[in-house]
């Protein structure tokens, strides 16, 4: 459930932020803001579904998923192929995310 919540949250956050990017940087209609805000609200809700004892830890671990999803967005939506450094960086972040979220902790 955590992986699905993180992946969906990342897509919602990137889509919401991209809506503002499109409006302000790509000269799209201000109407792009409405679905962007809705998408950002969905993102915030989805993070509450993560099974973590503390919000800060859930958010920190999510950061890596966001980075990997942003690299995917770069490739799929913006048609810019990630280079090896993009992929290596995303992999390092995902490893760090796993340590943060699932590392052993005293009870």
C-alpha atoms as a PDB file:
ATOM      1  CA  UNK A   1       0.000   0.000   0.000  1.00  0.00           C
ATOM      2  CA  UNK A   2       2.856   2.393   0.841  1.00  0.00           C
ATOM      3  CA  UNK A   3       4.471   2.090  -2.597  1.00  0.00           C
ATOM      4  CA  UNK A   4       1.144   2.668  -4.358  1.00  0.00           C
ATOM      5  CA  UNK A   5       0.304   5.671  -2.157  1.00  0.00           C
ATOM      6  CA  UNK A   6       3.751   7.158  -2.788  1.00  0.00           C
ATOM      7  CA  UNK A   7       3.594   6.595  -6.536  1.00  0.00           C
ATOM      8  CA  UNK A   8       0.107   8.080  -6.845  1.00  0.00           C
ATOM      9  CA  UNK A   9       1.095  11.000  -4.596  1.00  0.00           C
ATOM     10  CA  UNK A  10       4.135  11.694  -6.757  1.00  0.00           C
ATOM     11  CA  UNK A  11       2.090  11.715  -9.942  1.00  0.00           C
ATOM     12  CA  UNK A  12      -0.496  14.009  -8.354  1.00  0.00           C
ATOM     13  CA  UNK A  13       2.159  16.394  -7.047  1.00  0.00           C
ATOM     14  CA  UNK A  14       4.072  16.547 -10.309  1.00  0.00           C
ATOM     15  CA  UNK A  15       0.881  17.053 -12.307  1.00  0.00           C
ATOM     16  CA  UNK A  16      -0.228  19.822  -9.948  1.00  0.00           C
ATOM     17  CA  UNK A  17       3.111  21.586 -10.104  1.00  0.00           C
ATOM     18  CA  UNK A  18       3.275  21.130 -13.870  1.00  0.00           C
ATOM     19  CA  UNK A  19      -0.104  22.850 -14.204  1.00  0.00           C
ATOM     20  CA  UNK A  20       1.416  25.969 -12.655  1.00  0.00           C
ATOM     21  CA  UNK A  21       4.553  25.543 -14.783  1.00  0.00           C
ATOM     22  CA  UNK A  22       2.407  25.331 -17.900  1.00  0.00           C
ATOM     23  CA  UNK A  23       0.473  28.460 -16.954  1.00  0.00           C
ATOM     24  CA  UNK A  24       3.478  30.568 -15.953  1.00  0.00           C
ATOM     25  CA  UNK A  25       6.243  29.218 -18.179  1.00  0.00           C
ATOM     26  CA  UNK A  26       4.472  27.765 -21.210  1.00  0.00           C
ATOM     27  CA  UNK A  27       1.860  30.521 -21.606  1.00  0.00           C
ATOM     28  CA  UNK A  28      -1.090  28.185 -21.056  1.00  0.00           C
ATOM     29  CA  UNK A  29      -4.476  29.439 -19.886  1.00  0.00           C
ATOM     30  CA  UNK A  30      -4.934  30.349 -16.209  1.00  0.00           C
ATOM     31  CA  UNK A  31      -7.608  27.627 -16.226  1.00  0.00           C
ATOM     32  CA  UNK A  32      -4.733  25.171 -15.783  1.00  0.00           C
ATOM     33  CA  UNK A  33      -4.578  26.330 -12.147  1.00  0.00           C
ATOM     34  CA  UNK A  34      -7.889  24.696 -11.098  1.00  0.00           C
ATOM     35  CA  UNK A  35      -6.921  21.097 -11.912  1.00  0.00           C
ATOM     36  CA  UNK A  36      -3.446  21.869 -10.595  1.00  0.00           C
ATOM     37  CA  UNK A  37      -4.841  22.821  -7.183  1.00  0.00           C
ATOM     38  CA  UNK A  38      -7.099  19.758  -7.137  1.00  0.00           C
ATOM     39  CA  UNK A  39      -4.124  17.570  -7.993  1.00  0.00           C
ATOM     40  CA  UNK A  40      -2.041  19.084  -5.182  1.00  0.00           C
ATOM     41  CA  UNK A  41      -4.893  18.472  -2.712  1.00  0.00           C
ATOM     42  CA  UNK A  42      -5.044  14.849  -3.860  1.00  0.00           C
ATOM     43  CA  UNK A  43      -1.282  14.600  -3.352  1.00  0.00           C
ATOM     44  CA  UNK A  44      -1.580  15.794   0.255  1.00  0.00           C
ATOM     45  CA  UNK A  45      -4.403  13.348   0.961  1.00  0.00           C
ATOM     46  CA  UNK A  46      -2.509  10.401  -0.544  1.00  0.00           C
ATOM     47  CA  UNK A  47       0.464  10.992   1.758  1.00  0.00           C
ATOM     48  CA  UNK A  48      -1.855  10.464   4.738  1.00  0.00           C
ATOM     49  CA  UNK A  49      -2.406   6.882   3.556  1.00  0.00           C
ATOM     50  CA  UNK A  50       1.240   5.917   4.129  1.00  0.00           C
ATOM     51  CA  UNK A  51       1.737   3.550   7.050  1.00  0.00           C
ATOM     52  CA  UNK A  52       4.341   5.447   9.072  1.00  0.00           C
ATOM     53  CA  UNK A  53       4.421   6.383  12.729  1.00  0.00           C
ATOM     54  CA  UNK A  54       5.605   9.948  12.069  1.00  0.00           C
ATOM     55  CA  UNK A  55       4.658  12.318   9.268  1.00  0.00           C
ATOM     56  CA  UNK A  56       8.202  13.668   8.909  1.00  0.00           C
ATOM     57  CA  UNK A  57       9.585  10.201   8.240  1.00  0.00           C
ATOM     58  CA  UNK A  58       6.844   9.479   5.701  1.00  0.00           C
ATOM     59  CA  UNK A  59       7.562  12.795   3.946  1.00  0.00           C
ATOM     60  CA  UNK A  60      11.326  12.231   3.933  1.00  0.00           C
ATOM     61  CA  UNK A  61      10.943   8.784   2.417  1.00  0.00           C
ATOM     62  CA  UNK A  62       8.453  10.161  -0.107  1.00  0.00           C
ATOM     63  CA  UNK A  63      11.030  12.641  -1.390  1.00  0.00           C
ATOM     64  CA  UNK A  64      12.944   9.882  -3.163  1.00  0.00           C
ATOM     65  CA  UNK A  65       9.815   8.553  -4.820  1.00  0.00           C
ATOM     66  CA  UNK A  66       9.082  12.091  -6.013  1.00  0.00           C
ATOM     67  CA  UNK A  67      12.567  12.353  -7.509  1.00  0.00           C
ATOM     68  CA  UNK A  68      12.219   9.052  -9.359  1.00  0.00           C
ATOM     69  CA  UNK A  69       8.735   9.984 -10.592  1.00  0.00           C
ATOM     70  CA  UNK A  70      10.016  13.383 -11.752  1.00  0.00           C
ATOM     71  CA  UNK A  71      12.669  11.618 -13.839  1.00  0.00           C
ATOM     72  CA  UNK A  72       9.872   9.452 -15.292  1.00  0.00           C
ATOM     73  CA  UNK A  73       7.835  12.611 -16.030  1.00  0.00           C
ATOM     74  CA  UNK A  74      10.862  14.110 -17.760  1.00  0.00           C
ATOM     75  CA  UNK A  75      11.019  11.096 -20.044  1.00  0.00           C
ATOM     76  CA  UNK A  76       7.327  10.302 -20.649  1.00  0.00           C
ATOM     77  CA  UNK A  77       5.669  13.731 -20.624  1.00  0.00           C
ATOM     78  CA  UNK A  78       8.486  16.050 -21.661  1.00  0.00           C
ATOM     79  CA  UNK A  79      10.145  13.604 -24.079  1.00  0.00           C
ATOM     80  CA  UNK A  80      13.611  14.235 -22.651  1.00  0.00           C
ATOM     81  CA  UNK A  81      15.472  10.978 -22.104  1.00  0.00           C
ATOM     82  CA  UNK A  82      17.134  10.806 -18.675  1.00  0.00           C
ATOM     83  CA  UNK A  83      20.882  10.279 -18.713  1.00  0.00           C
ATOM     84  CA  UNK A  84      22.768   7.794 -16.567  1.00  0.00           C
ATOM     85  CA  UNK A  85      23.334  10.411 -13.862  1.00  0.00           C
ATOM     86  CA  UNK A  86      19.604  11.025 -13.581  1.00  0.00           C
ATOM     87  CA  UNK A  87      19.020   7.295 -13.177  1.00  0.00           C
ATOM     88  CA  UNK A  88      21.897   6.734 -10.756  1.00  0.00           C
ATOM     89  CA  UNK A  89      20.793   9.699  -8.642  1.00  0.00           C
ATOM     90  CA  UNK A  90      17.201   8.459  -8.529  1.00  0.00           C
ATOM     91  CA  UNK A  91      18.368   4.957  -7.552  1.00  0.00           C
ATOM     92  CA  UNK A  92      20.506   6.347  -4.718  1.00  0.00           C
ATOM     93  CA  UNK A  93      17.531   8.367  -3.482  1.00  0.00           C
ATOM     94  CA  UNK A  94      15.243   5.321  -3.554  1.00  0.00           C
ATOM     95  CA  UNK A  95      17.773   3.336  -1.545  1.00  0.00           C
ATOM     96  CA  UNK A  96      17.903   6.147   0.998  1.00  0.00           C
ATOM     97  CA  UNK A  97      14.113   6.215   1.104  1.00  0.00           C
ATOM     98  CA  UNK A  98      13.995   2.514   1.910  1.00  0.00           C
ATOM     99  CA  UNK A  99      16.482   3.003   4.758  1.00  0.00           C
ATOM    100  CA  UNK A 100      14.439   5.890   6.199  1.00  0.00           C
ATOM    101  CA  UNK A 101      11.098   4.121   5.974  1.00  0.00           C
ATOM    102  CA  UNK A 102      12.006   0.522   6.807  1.00  0.00           C
ATOM    103  CA  UNK A 103      15.212   0.772   8.820  1.00  0.00           C
ATOM    104  CA  UNK A 104      15.089  -1.066  12.147  1.00  0.00           C
ATOM    105  CA  UNK A 105      14.126   1.133  15.076  1.00  0.00           C
ATOM    106  CA  UNK A 106      13.917   0.419  18.787  1.00  0.00           C
ATOM    107  CA  UNK A 107      10.412  -0.313  20.004  1.00  0.00           C
END
